[in-house]
Every structure is written in structure tokens, then in C-alpha cells.
């Protein structure tokens, strides 16, 4: 059984073929570069690039994998959350292809895709805590089984990846900010006393806007060491994430932790969370190539939904933000 998966939730156009017997047959991803001058993703430009690239990428994937289009059993695609204009391109392509081939469609929640990105390499026993950290999301979930998610807490303002981008812009470092700050931080020391907002709060919610403001004040002062400021900022972010995950483990009694999303590729984050294993935690992180947005994770989640008999009607439309814990209940 083979699924074609499509991911266009933000600024990556990604497609993949996944076989229930052989695993990943092939995947392709194009990261848009048109946003670098703006310091962030411009929705209209993102949709335009998806429209321009999705069909040529599909043709290239077919040729590189030698999969015949008739071999596709169903089509998986990201329905939510994301930039609505970008989602429309992927959903329209999936629905059009499904109609032409007479194949069923399986919508996937983008965060569910991220959560199961670790399963592309090895399964994780249930239940587990999942920390989703990306450009648009910073959320903690209790995952009791596939499709059984409980939201435990999340950011009240900026997502972690968004904070990295904004801080990088403040410092004039370029875009995307995450890899740039991570690399710069490795050369510095955490010499700046930056705040850790909400780190001691009794709940699992987080806030990063105050941390960003503190960095701005230092930058506007005009006298700072970029490497040390980057290191100080990164240490503060990871301190918050680590403390909230440890608190979630304390609250649930579940010591199995999955850290996913684009920010999970961060070198310091991977180092710090791996050290939790010394405290008796089981820690799982996806390979960096599966951390960022990709179609392989959408294919895996789509395959799990299809095996459970979950498909959707062709008149389904994308939504910018359906909560993960209620996703699919209206049509599955």
C-alpha cells in the first residue's frame, strides 16, 4: 500500500511516497528562499512559490522513484494548521489528483505529523510526552495512543522558532534565525542575565515575548558581544523548555519524552534533553532531516489514519488552526 503525501503548511514544498511494506520510497523538499529579505515568511509569496513548484516537484519525484501514478492507493496531505494560502495550494493539488485517479484522501494535522516524525526511524511506546517546538508552535501534549492527545500547555505569545527569527532580525543576523543563532551561540558564553518568563509558574504555559524584549534592550544599547548574547538567549530558551517538560513529567508520571519540530534540530537543545536520560527519562528526537517540515512525517501519520479507516470527503477545505485534540472528529 502506497501513499503520496503533500506538505505545504508554510514555506517548504514537500512530497513523499511511503509504502506500508517498504517504508519511505522517496521524498523531495524545496525550501523557499524568497523570504530572506523580509526576515520572515510572507504568506502571498509562499503561496505563489508553492503553486509554481508543486507540479514540477511531483513530476521529479515520480521519475526519481519510478513509482507509477496508478500505484498510489491514497493521498495524504496537511489540512491544518498553517498559512491558509499555502495550505490551499497543497489541499487543492491533493484533491485534484485524488479526483482524477479515483483515490481516497486522508487529511493530516501538521502537529500530528511532527509528533510521529520520530516513528519514521523507530517506534515509541505509549504513553509519552511530546514537546512540539517550531516556527509557529510551542506546545506540550500527552500522547496516550494514535489520535488520543491531551494538550498540557503552550506558549501564550511567540513560538520558540518565531522568537529565534525575531532575535536574529534584531541582531541583524539574517533569516531563518534558528540555525544562525545556534551556530553563533557555540562560540559564546551565557554572560547576559536574561529573564526566564513563567519558568516557575505552576502550569505548563510559556512566554517568550519578554525574553525577546530583554534582548532588544541590550541590542539598542549598542554595546554587546553577539556570540555571548546569542548564547545567553539560547540558554534561556532551553532552560524554559527543559523546566516545563520536567514539570509535565512530574504532573503526569510519564517519563517518556518526544521532542519534535524544527527547533528540535537545535544542537544545544538536543544536548540538554539527551542529558535527561541520566535522570531516568526516555528521550526521543527525530533525525534533523525529519525535524523540519517534511512530507515523510505527513505520510506516516496519513498511513496510520488510513489503516484505521479514516478518510475524508473531497469537499473538505483547509483551516488555519484546528486544535489537534479535536482534529478529524467532524468527518472521520
Protein backbone atom coordinates (compact mmCIF):
# COMPACT_ATOMS: atom_id res chain seq x y z
CA UNK A 1 0.00 0.00 0.00
CA UNK A 2 1.45 3.36 -1.07
CA UNK A 3 0.52 6.90 -0.10
CA UNK A 4 1.58 10.12 -1.72
CA UNK A 5 1.98 12.80 0.95
CA UNK A 6 1.89 16.56 0.44
CA UNK A 7 3.09 19.24 2.87
CA UNK A 8 2.62 22.96 2.14
CA UNK A 9 1.75 24.47 5.52
CA UNK A 10 4.39 27.22 5.45
CA UNK A 11 7.40 27.81 3.20
CA UNK A 12 8.51 24.27 2.35
CA UNK A 13 7.00 22.44 -0.61
CA UNK A 14 7.41 18.76 0.19
CA UNK A 15 6.18 15.48 -1.27
CA UNK A 16 6.91 11.86 -0.41
CA UNK A 17 5.95 8.30 -1.22
CA UNK A 18 5.59 5.93 1.73
CA UNK A 19 4.91 2.20 1.45
CA UNK A 20 3.30 0.24 4.29
CA UNK A 21 5.74 -2.59 3.48
CA UNK A 22 8.94 -0.82 2.42
CA UNK A 23 8.80 2.47 4.29
CA UNK A 24 9.93 5.68 2.57
CA UNK A 25 10.26 5.10 -1.16
CA UNK A 26 11.30 8.64 -1.92
CA UNK A 27 10.84 12.23 -0.83
CA UNK A 28 11.55 15.70 -2.15
CA UNK A 29 11.58 19.11 -0.49
CA UNK A 30 12.11 22.64 -1.69
CA UNK A 31 12.71 25.39 0.88
CA UNK A 32 11.71 28.82 -0.35
CA UNK A 33 14.40 31.50 -0.35
CA UNK A 34 12.24 34.49 -1.34
CA UNK A 35 11.52 35.42 2.29
CA UNK A 36 15.08 36.15 3.44
CA UNK A 37 14.90 39.88 2.66
CA UNK A 38 11.78 40.22 4.82
CA UNK A 39 13.05 38.47 7.95
CA UNK A 40 10.02 36.16 7.95
CA UNK A 41 7.59 34.30 5.75
CA UNK A 42 5.35 36.44 3.52
CA UNK A 43 2.12 34.43 3.04
CA UNK A 44 1.37 35.67 -0.50
CA UNK A 45 4.88 34.88 -1.69
CA UNK A 46 4.78 31.48 -0.03
CA UNK A 47 1.54 30.51 -1.81
CA UNK A 48 2.92 31.72 -5.12
CA UNK A 49 6.06 29.61 -4.74
CA UNK A 50 4.04 26.52 -3.80
CA UNK A 51 1.88 26.98 -6.89
CA UNK A 52 4.95 27.35 -9.08
CA UNK A 53 6.84 24.37 -7.69
CA UNK A 54 4.42 21.64 -6.63
CA UNK A 55 3.74 20.08 -10.03
CA UNK A 56 7.40 20.05 -11.19
CA UNK A 57 8.40 18.53 -7.84
CA UNK A 58 5.75 15.83 -8.19
CA UNK A 59 6.99 15.02 -11.67
CA UNK A 60 10.56 14.86 -10.37
CA UNK A 61 9.52 12.55 -7.51
CA UNK A 62 7.74 10.19 -9.90
CA UNK A 63 10.80 9.97 -12.14
CA UNK A 64 13.30 9.50 -9.31
CA UNK A 65 11.30 6.74 -7.59
CA UNK A 66 9.91 5.04 -10.72
CA UNK A 67 6.53 4.87 -9.00
CA UNK A 68 3.69 4.64 -11.48
CA UNK A 69 0.91 7.07 -10.67
CA UNK A 70 -1.57 4.17 -10.74
CA UNK A 71 0.25 2.57 -7.77
CA UNK A 72 -0.89 5.33 -5.41
CA UNK A 73 -3.55 3.91 -3.07
CA UNK A 74 -4.47 7.15 -1.29
CA UNK A 75 -3.25 10.70 -0.84
CA UNK A 76 -2.23 12.23 2.49
CA UNK A 77 -1.88 15.96 2.94
CA UNK A 78 -1.61 18.68 5.57
CA UNK A 79 -5.03 20.20 6.21
CA UNK A 80 -4.20 22.31 9.27
CA UNK A 81 -2.62 24.31 10.89
CA UNK A 82 -0.61 26.68 8.74
CA UNK A 83 -0.74 29.68 6.46
CA UNK A 84 -4.14 29.41 4.82
CA UNK A 85 -2.94 30.47 1.35
CA UNK A 86 -0.15 27.89 1.46
CA UNK A 87 -2.47 25.17 2.73
CA UNK A 88 -4.92 25.88 -0.11
CA UNK A 89 -2.28 25.03 -2.72
CA UNK A 90 -1.44 21.64 -1.21
CA UNK A 91 -5.03 20.71 -0.45
CA UNK A 92 -6.22 21.69 -3.94
CA UNK A 93 -3.42 19.65 -5.54
CA UNK A 94 -4.23 16.62 -3.38
CA UNK A 95 -7.97 16.79 -4.07
CA UNK A 96 -7.49 17.30 -7.80
CA UNK A 97 -5.14 14.36 -8.09
CA UNK A 98 -7.40 12.17 -5.95
CA UNK A 99 -10.41 13.03 -8.12
CA UNK A 100 -8.50 12.29 -11.32
CA UNK A 101 -7.23 8.94 -10.01
CA UNK A 102 -10.38 7.98 -8.13
CA UNK A 103 -8.41 7.58 -4.89
CA UNK A 104 -9.38 8.45 -1.29
CA UNK A 105 -7.86 11.36 0.62
CA UNK A 106 -6.54 11.43 4.18
CA UNK A 107 -6.12 14.87 5.79
CA UNK A 108 -3.36 15.11 8.39
CA UNK A 109 -2.81 17.58 11.22
CA UNK A 110 0.61 19.18 10.85
CA UNK A 111 1.45 18.78 14.56
CA UNK A 112 0.45 15.12 14.44
CA UNK A 113 2.92 14.74 11.61
CA UNK A 114 5.67 16.26 13.74
CA UNK A 115 4.80 14.10 16.75
CA UNK A 116 5.16 10.94 14.66
CA UNK A 117 8.32 12.06 12.85
CA UNK A 118 10.34 10.01 15.36
CA UNK A 119 8.39 6.90 14.33
CA UNK A 120 9.98 7.10 10.88
CA UNK A 121 13.12 5.68 12.49
CA UNK A 122 11.83 3.72 15.49
CA UNK A 123 8.53 3.26 17.33
CA UNK A 124 7.91 4.82 20.73
CA UNK A 125 5.88 3.08 23.39
CA UNK A 126 2.73 4.82 24.66
CA UNK A 127 2.08 6.94 26.60
CA UNK A 128 4.61 9.70 26.04
CA UNK A 129 5.02 13.45 26.47
CA UNK A 130 5.55 15.36 23.23
CA UNK A 131 7.15 18.79 23.10
CA UNK A 132 6.46 20.37 19.70
CA UNK A 133 8.83 23.29 19.05
CA UNK A 134 8.80 25.01 15.69
CA UNK A 135 8.48 28.38 13.97
CA UNK A 136 4.77 28.55 14.69
CA UNK A 137 4.24 26.23 17.65
CA UNK A 138 5.49 25.58 21.16
CA UNK A 139 3.15 23.02 22.71
CA UNK A 140 3.25 20.12 25.15
CA UNK A 141 0.94 17.14 24.68
CA UNK A 142 0.27 13.90 26.47
CA UNK A 143 0.02 11.24 23.76
CA UNK A 144 -1.79 8.12 25.00
CA UNK A 145 -2.27 6.47 21.60
CA UNK A 146 -2.54 7.46 17.97
CA UNK A 147 -5.32 10.04 17.82
CA UNK A 148 -5.53 10.42 21.61
CA UNK A 149 -3.94 13.73 22.53
CA UNK A 150 -4.28 15.94 25.59
CA UNK A 151 -2.98 19.50 25.40
CA UNK A 152 -1.00 20.25 28.56
CA UNK A 153 0.35 23.73 27.87
CA UNK A 154 1.96 26.01 25.33
CA UNK A 155 3.25 29.46 24.57
CA UNK A 156 0.96 32.38 25.28
CA UNK A 157 2.68 34.60 22.72
CA UNK A 158 5.65 33.93 20.43
CA UNK A 159 6.58 30.41 19.43
CA UNK A 160 10.19 29.40 20.04
CA UNK A 161 11.15 29.40 16.35
CA UNK A 162 9.47 32.76 15.88
CA UNK A 163 11.47 34.13 18.82
CA UNK A 164 14.71 32.94 17.24
CA UNK A 165 13.78 34.68 13.98
CA UNK A 166 12.87 37.94 15.73
CA UNK A 167 16.03 37.97 17.83
CA UNK A 168 18.15 37.24 14.76
CA UNK A 169 16.46 40.15 13.00
CA UNK A 170 17.11 42.45 15.97
CA UNK A 171 20.79 41.49 15.85
CA UNK A 172 20.99 41.83 12.06
CA UNK A 173 21.95 38.19 11.60
CA UNK A 174 19.63 37.16 8.79
CA UNK A 175 16.86 34.62 8.25
CA UNK A 176 15.99 31.95 9.29
CA UNK A 177 17.24 32.80 12.74
CA UNK A 178 17.36 29.38 14.39
CA UNK A 179 20.41 27.86 12.66
CA UNK A 180 22.25 31.20 12.66
CA UNK A 181 21.84 31.81 16.40
CA UNK A 182 22.62 28.18 17.22
CA UNK A 183 25.90 28.38 15.31
CA UNK A 184 26.82 31.76 16.79
CA UNK A 185 25.94 30.64 20.33
CA UNK A 186 28.50 27.83 20.13
CA UNK A 187 31.22 30.50 20.06
CA UNK A 188 29.90 32.47 23.02
CA UNK A 189 29.23 32.31 26.75
CA UNK A 190 25.96 32.98 28.62
CA UNK A 191 27.20 36.22 30.15
CA UNK A 192 23.94 38.21 29.92
CA UNK A 193 21.38 37.83 32.70
CA UNK A 194 18.26 37.34 30.60
CA UNK A 195 14.84 36.51 32.11
CA UNK A 196 13.14 33.11 32.04
CA UNK A 197 9.46 34.17 31.86
CA UNK A 198 6.95 31.85 33.58
CA UNK A 199 9.63 29.26 34.34
CA UNK A 200 8.38 28.94 37.92
CA UNK A 201 4.64 29.14 37.17
CA UNK A 202 2.52 26.26 38.39
CA UNK A 203 1.12 25.47 34.93
CA UNK A 204 2.83 24.36 31.73
CA UNK A 205 2.27 27.52 29.73
CA UNK A 206 5.21 29.55 28.44
CA UNK A 207 6.03 33.05 27.27
CA UNK A 208 8.92 34.28 25.15
CA UNK A 209 7.99 37.88 24.31
CA UNK A 210 9.60 39.25 27.50
CA UNK A 211 12.82 37.43 26.71
CA UNK A 212 12.81 38.95 23.22
CA UNK A 213 12.24 42.41 24.72
CA UNK A 214 15.20 41.95 27.05
CA UNK A 215 17.40 41.12 24.06
CA UNK A 216 16.11 44.19 22.22
CA UNK A 217 17.08 46.44 25.12
CA UNK A 218 20.63 45.09 25.06
CA UNK A 219 20.88 45.48 21.27
CA UNK A 220 19.51 49.03 21.37
CA UNK A 221 22.14 49.92 23.96
CA UNK A 222 24.63 49.31 21.17
CA UNK A 223 27.34 47.59 23.19
CA UNK A 224 27.18 43.80 23.22
CA UNK A 225 29.08 40.72 22.12
CA UNK A 226 26.92 38.94 19.51
CA UNK A 227 28.24 35.48 20.36
CA UNK A 228 27.58 35.92 24.08
CA UNK A 229 24.13 37.42 23.54
CA UNK A 230 23.17 34.58 21.20
CA UNK A 231 24.42 32.05 23.74
CA UNK A 232 22.59 33.77 26.60
CA UNK A 233 19.34 33.88 24.63
CA UNK A 234 19.58 30.25 23.61
CA UNK A 235 20.34 29.10 27.15
CA UNK A 236 17.30 30.99 28.45
CA UNK A 237 15.00 29.42 25.85
CA UNK A 238 16.19 25.90 26.54
CA UNK A 239 16.03 26.42 30.32
CA UNK A 240 12.33 27.25 29.93
CA UNK A 241 11.60 24.30 27.66
CA UNK A 242 13.52 21.86 29.84
CA UNK A 243 11.81 23.01 33.04
CA UNK A 244 8.32 22.80 31.50
CA UNK A 245 8.94 19.31 30.19
CA UNK A 246 10.26 18.18 33.57
CA UNK A 247 7.16 19.66 35.19
CA UNK A 248 4.92 17.84 32.70
CA UNK A 249 6.63 14.57 33.60
CA UNK A 250 6.08 15.31 37.28
CA UNK A 251 2.39 16.08 36.67
CA UNK A 252 1.65 13.01 34.51
CA UNK A 253 4.12 10.45 35.80
CA UNK A 254 5.12 9.74 32.18
CA UNK A 255 8.91 9.80 31.78
CA UNK A 256 8.95 9.04 28.05
CA UNK A 257 9.61 12.31 26.16
CA UNK A 258 9.48 13.04 22.43
CA UNK A 259 10.88 16.39 21.24
CA UNK A 260 9.92 17.31 17.68
CA UNK A 261 9.56 20.24 15.28
CA UNK A 262 12.11 22.41 13.51
CA UNK A 263 13.69 23.69 16.72
CA UNK A 264 14.41 20.10 17.80
CA UNK A 265 17.30 20.24 15.32
CA UNK A 266 19.00 22.81 17.59
CA UNK A 267 22.33 21.41 18.79
CA UNK A 268 22.15 22.76 22.36
CA UNK A 269 18.56 21.60 22.79
CA UNK A 270 19.48 18.08 21.65
CA UNK A 271 22.42 18.03 24.04
CA UNK A 272 20.41 19.25 27.04
CA UNK A 273 17.45 16.95 26.52
CA UNK A 274 19.67 13.93 25.91
CA UNK A 275 21.14 14.52 29.38
CA UNK A 276 17.70 13.92 30.90
CA UNK A 277 18.25 10.21 30.28
CA UNK A 278 20.60 10.25 33.27
CA UNK A 279 17.52 11.11 35.38
CA UNK A 280 15.63 8.06 34.15
CA UNK A 281 13.84 9.71 31.22
CA UNK A 282 13.46 8.08 27.83
CA UNK A 283 14.18 10.85 25.30
CA UNK A 284 13.44 10.61 21.58
CA UNK A 285 14.42 13.17 18.94
CA UNK A 286 13.92 12.77 15.19
CA UNK A 287 16.82 12.85 12.78
CA UNK A 288 17.42 16.52 11.90
CA UNK A 289 16.14 15.93 8.36
CA UNK A 290 12.78 14.89 9.87
CA UNK A 291 12.73 17.73 12.41
CA UNK A 292 11.82 20.48 9.97
CA UNK A 293 8.64 20.43 7.87
CA UNK A 294 8.67 17.43 5.53
CA UNK A 295 6.25 15.15 3.72
CA UNK A 296 7.59 11.91 5.21
CA UNK A 297 6.02 12.70 8.58
CA UNK A 298 2.72 13.55 6.87
CA UNK A 299 2.89 10.25 5.00
CA UNK A 300 3.42 8.29 8.22
CA UNK A 301 0.53 9.95 10.05
CA UNK A 302 -1.65 9.56 6.95
CA UNK A 303 -0.84 5.86 6.75
CA UNK A 304 -1.87 5.38 10.38
CA UNK A 305 -5.17 7.16 9.77
CA UNK A 306 -5.88 5.18 6.60
CA UNK A 307 -5.19 1.87 8.37
CA UNK A 308 -7.84 2.89 10.88
CA UNK A 309 -10.34 3.50 8.08
CA UNK A 310 -10.20 7.29 8.35
CA UNK A 311 -10.70 9.17 5.08
CA UNK A 312 -12.41 12.44 4.22
CA UNK A 313 -14.84 13.73 1.58
CA UNK A 314 -13.43 15.62 -1.41
CA UNK A 315 -15.23 18.81 -0.41
CA UNK A 316 -13.14 19.21 2.74
CA UNK A 317 -11.31 22.54 2.98
CA UNK A 318 -8.14 23.67 4.77
CA UNK A 319 -8.32 25.50 8.09
CA UNK A 320 -5.62 27.74 9.58
CA UNK A 321 -5.77 26.29 13.09
CA UNK A 322 -7.84 23.27 14.16
CA UNK A 323 -6.80 22.07 17.67
CA UNK A 324 -5.00 18.73 17.50
CA UNK A 325 -7.13 17.13 20.21
CA UNK A 326 -10.36 17.58 18.17
CA UNK A 327 -8.92 17.10 14.69
CA UNK A 328 -10.93 14.81 12.42
CA UNK A 329 -13.89 14.32 14.73
CA UNK A 330 -16.23 16.16 12.37
CA UNK A 331 -15.57 13.90 9.38
CA UNK A 332 -13.77 10.73 10.49
